[in-house]
Structures are given as C-alpha cells and as structure tokens.
Protein backbone atom coordinates (compact mmCIF):
# COMPACT_ATOMS: atom_id res chain seq x y z
CA UNK A 1 120.58 78.33 136.79
CA UNK A 2 117.03 79.91 136.94
CA UNK A 3 114.24 78.03 135.11
CA UNK A 4 112.44 80.84 133.45
CA UNK A 5 108.65 80.31 132.87
CA UNK A 6 107.17 81.18 129.57
CA UNK A 7 104.95 84.43 129.38
CA UNK A 8 101.34 83.43 129.06
CA UNK A 9 98.64 85.96 128.26
CA UNK A 10 95.61 85.44 130.44
CA UNK A 11 92.70 87.40 131.57
CA UNK A 12 92.34 87.95 135.33
CA UNK A 13 91.91 90.44 138.15
CA UNK A 14 95.25 92.23 137.26
CA UNK A 15 96.26 93.39 133.81
CA UNK A 16 99.88 92.46 134.09
CA UNK A 17 99.54 89.44 131.94
CA UNK A 18 96.79 90.50 129.60
CA UNK A 19 97.61 91.10 125.87
CA UNK A 20 97.08 94.85 125.76
CA UNK A 21 97.48 95.34 122.03
CA UNK A 22 95.73 98.77 122.18
CA UNK A 23 98.10 100.11 124.76
CA UNK A 24 101.00 98.63 122.67
CA UNK A 25 99.81 100.59 119.62
CA UNK A 26 99.27 103.73 121.58
CA UNK A 27 102.81 103.33 123.08
CA UNK A 28 104.35 102.94 119.60
CA UNK A 29 102.72 106.17 118.52
CA UNK A 30 103.53 108.00 121.80
CA UNK A 31 107.19 106.99 121.31
CA UNK A 32 107.36 109.28 118.18
CA UNK A 33 106.47 112.31 120.36
CA UNK A 34 108.66 111.59 123.51
CA UNK A 35 110.81 108.99 125.15
CA UNK A 36 110.16 110.23 128.70
CA UNK A 37 108.70 107.27 130.80
CA UNK A 38 106.67 109.56 133.00
CA UNK A 39 104.99 111.36 129.94
CA UNK A 40 104.47 107.89 128.31
CA UNK A 41 102.75 106.70 131.47
CA UNK A 42 100.32 109.81 131.26
CA UNK A 43 99.72 109.26 127.71
CA UNK A 44 98.86 105.62 128.15
CA UNK A 45 96.83 106.28 131.16
CA UNK A 46 98.46 103.55 133.36
CA UNK A 47 99.24 103.70 137.15
CA UNK A 48 103.04 103.15 137.02
CA UNK A 49 105.99 103.64 134.96
CA UNK A 50 106.59 99.91 135.22
CA UNK A 51 103.42 99.39 133.25
CA UNK A 52 105.12 101.23 130.41
CA UNK A 53 108.13 99.01 130.61
CA UNK A 54 105.88 96.03 130.86
CA UNK A 55 104.10 97.00 127.60
CA UNK A 56 107.49 97.68 125.84
CA UNK A 57 108.53 94.16 126.92
CA UNK A 58 105.27 92.79 125.33
CA UNK A 59 105.99 94.64 122.21
CA UNK A 60 109.53 93.16 121.97
CA UNK A 61 108.24 89.66 122.67
CA UNK A 62 105.63 90.00 119.99
CA UNK A 63 108.19 91.10 117.51
CA UNK A 64 110.45 88.22 118.40
CA UNK A 65 107.49 85.78 118.09
CA UNK A 66 106.65 87.09 114.59
CA UNK A 67 110.36 86.68 113.58
CA UNK A 68 110.32 83.21 114.84
CA UNK A 69 107.16 82.43 112.89
CA UNK A 70 108.60 83.83 109.71
CA UNK A 71 111.90 81.95 110.16
CA UNK A 72 109.94 78.77 110.56
CA UNK A 73 107.96 79.42 107.31
CA UNK A 74 104.66 80.22 108.97
CA UNK A 75 103.06 83.43 107.41
CA UNK A 76 99.53 84.52 106.85
CA UNK A 77 99.66 82.84 103.25
CA UNK A 78 100.59 79.58 105.06
CA UNK A 79 97.78 79.78 107.48
CA UNK A 80 95.08 80.75 104.98
CA UNK A 81 96.35 78.06 102.49
CA UNK A 82 96.05 75.34 105.21
CA UNK A 83 92.56 76.49 106.17
CA UNK A 84 91.52 76.53 102.67
CA UNK A 85 92.78 73.00 102.08
CA UNK A 86 90.86 71.86 105.09
CA UNK A 87 87.69 73.60 103.89
CA UNK A 88 88.21 71.89 100.31
CA UNK A 89 89.31 68.57 101.28
CA UNK A 90 88.46 67.87 104.94
CA UNK A 91 87.45 64.17 105.73
CA UNK A 92 84.59 65.14 108.06
CA UNK A 93 81.94 67.81 107.51
CA UNK A 94 82.48 68.93 111.09
CA UNK A 95 86.17 69.75 110.27
CA UNK A 96 85.20 71.66 107.04
CA UNK A 97 82.65 73.57 108.96
CA UNK A 98 85.13 74.52 111.85
CA UNK A 99 87.52 75.70 109.12
CA UNK A 100 84.88 77.88 107.53
CA UNK A 101 84.00 79.19 111.00
CA UNK A 102 87.61 80.07 111.59
CA UNK A 103 87.79 81.90 108.18
CA UNK A 104 84.65 83.82 109.03
CA UNK A 105 86.04 84.65 112.40
CA UNK A 106 89.17 86.02 110.91
CA UNK A 107 87.13 88.13 108.54
CA UNK A 108 85.02 89.43 111.32
CA UNK A 109 81.92 87.94 109.57
CA UNK A 110 80.93 85.56 112.39
CA UNK A 111 78.55 87.67 114.22
CA UNK A 112 75.36 89.50 113.15
CA UNK A 113 74.59 92.45 115.45
CA UNK A 114 71.75 94.55 114.02
CA UNK A 115 71.92 96.90 117.05
CA UNK A 116 75.44 97.98 116.28
CA UNK A 117 75.80 101.62 115.71
CA UNK A 118 77.91 103.17 113.00
CA UNK A 119 78.65 99.89 111.04
CA UNK A 120 81.01 97.02 112.01
CA UNK A 121 78.79 94.42 110.76
CA UNK A 122 79.80 91.99 108.03
CA UNK A 123 77.10 93.47 105.68
CA UNK A 124 78.72 96.95 106.05
CA UNK A 125 82.09 95.45 105.15
CA UNK A 126 80.83 93.79 102.07
CA UNK A 127 79.04 97.00 101.00
CA UNK A 128 82.25 98.92 101.56
CA UNK A 129 84.24 96.45 99.44
CA UNK A 130 81.73 96.61 96.78
CA UNK A 131 81.80 100.41 96.55
CA UNK A 132 85.63 100.27 96.63
CA UNK A 133 85.76 97.86 93.56
CA UNK A 134 83.28 100.03 91.80
CA UNK A 135 85.35 103.07 92.23
CA UNK A 136 88.60 101.19 91.42
CA UNK A 137 87.52 100.02 88.05
CA UNK A 138 88.92 102.39 85.46
CA UNK A 139 86.67 101.72 82.29
CA UNK A 140 83.58 102.99 84.02
CA UNK A 141 81.83 99.64 84.26
CA UNK A 142 81.07 98.51 87.79
CA UNK A 143 82.83 95.33 88.91
CA UNK A 144 79.58 94.19 90.59
CA UNK A 145 77.03 94.85 87.79
CA UNK A 146 73.41 95.13 88.71
CA UNK A 147 71.16 92.90 86.82
CA UNK A 148 67.46 92.81 86.01
CA UNK A 149 65.42 89.68 86.51
CA UNK A 150 63.34 89.11 83.53
CA UNK A 151 60.36 86.96 84.40
CA UNK A 152 59.22 84.56 81.64
CA UNK A 153 55.70 84.95 80.28
CA UNK A 154 52.99 82.92 82.14
CA UNK A 155 51.38 80.49 79.91
CA UNK A 156 47.64 80.90 79.33
CA UNK A 157 46.84 77.44 80.76
CA UNK A 158 48.47 78.50 84.10
CA UNK A 159 46.56 81.81 84.12
CA UNK A 160 43.26 79.98 83.52
CA UNK A 161 44.01 77.46 86.28
CA UNK A 162 44.75 80.38 88.63
CA UNK A 163 41.54 82.19 87.79
CA UNK A 164 39.44 78.79 88.37
CA UNK A 165 41.08 78.49 91.75
CA UNK A 166 40.29 81.98 92.60
CA UNK A 167 36.69 81.51 91.68
CA UNK A 168 36.39 78.32 93.58
CA UNK A 169 37.97 79.97 96.75
CA UNK A 170 35.43 82.91 96.42
CA UNK A 171 32.59 80.42 96.16
CA UNK A 172 33.78 78.65 99.33
CA UNK A 173 33.64 81.74 101.47
CA UNK A 174 30.44 83.42 100.08
C-alpha cells in the first residue's frame, strides 16, 4: 500500500504547490463558458493542460477541507468568537495584543500605506462603511451623526493670566 503524503502549499521556484486562489476563481468562472481543457489553459494563461487539472484538484481539496471544517463545528463564527474571547479574557497582555493583531489582519486594517493608489487602505474601508450606513438608514438621519464641539467659555481670571504672560514674554524679547 502506498503511503500518500499530504498536500502542502508552499512558495518556491515552481508554482505547482502554491495556493493559486486567483487562478482557481478564474477557472470557476471560465468553466461557465467552456469545459475544453485547451481553451481553459489559454484563459488561465498557464503553460500546460496539466496545470488546469492541478488547479481543479486544488479546488476539490479546498471544498473538501471546508466541508471537514464545517462537520467539525469550525466556522467563521467559531473563529471570531474564540479570537474575541482571547481579546476579552486573555491572561497575558501579549496574548490579547496578538489576538487583536489577528483580528486587524483579517479585516485588512493591519497596514497603513499612504502611497496606495485607488484605495485599499483601512481608512478608505471605514469611510465606505460609513457612507453605506448613512445610505441604508431609512428615516433620513445619518447613523454616524456629525457633532459640533462647543467650547466652554474661558473664565476672566484665565484670560487675565494669559494677557499678563503675553506682556511678560514681550518684555523679555524687547
């Protein structure tokens, strides 16, 4: 009996073992148009038809893996709930910070790139969410309400103290 080795996604010189999710998505869309392997090879832009079959195998393994996770009770809700519980009740501050970092990475908010063109930064994502919430509100009131800062009146004693300090500083430099 052959002892089969597990499939491991790695990065290396050859792309055989890489996790080519973009090609997988493209292949799924191309399958709606044609099932001819040669045409699929041209659409994907790969060298051989074997790469098309390899990509199909990766899709099948990914689907089977997701089914196994679901059968085991592991879902996105499960993952997020456990990350949140670690954030809320982690024993060490470093563990809580790591959990927060994982959460930010999953949201795509872990990097700040001011040179990015056309969005993609976390500030743009927050702005889009804000605009979406404002549009979704049916009664016309924005969900994120703008507020005005009302400064309290400055007492006269503070005004006099500032004026005296200004006079003293002018005298020092004259």
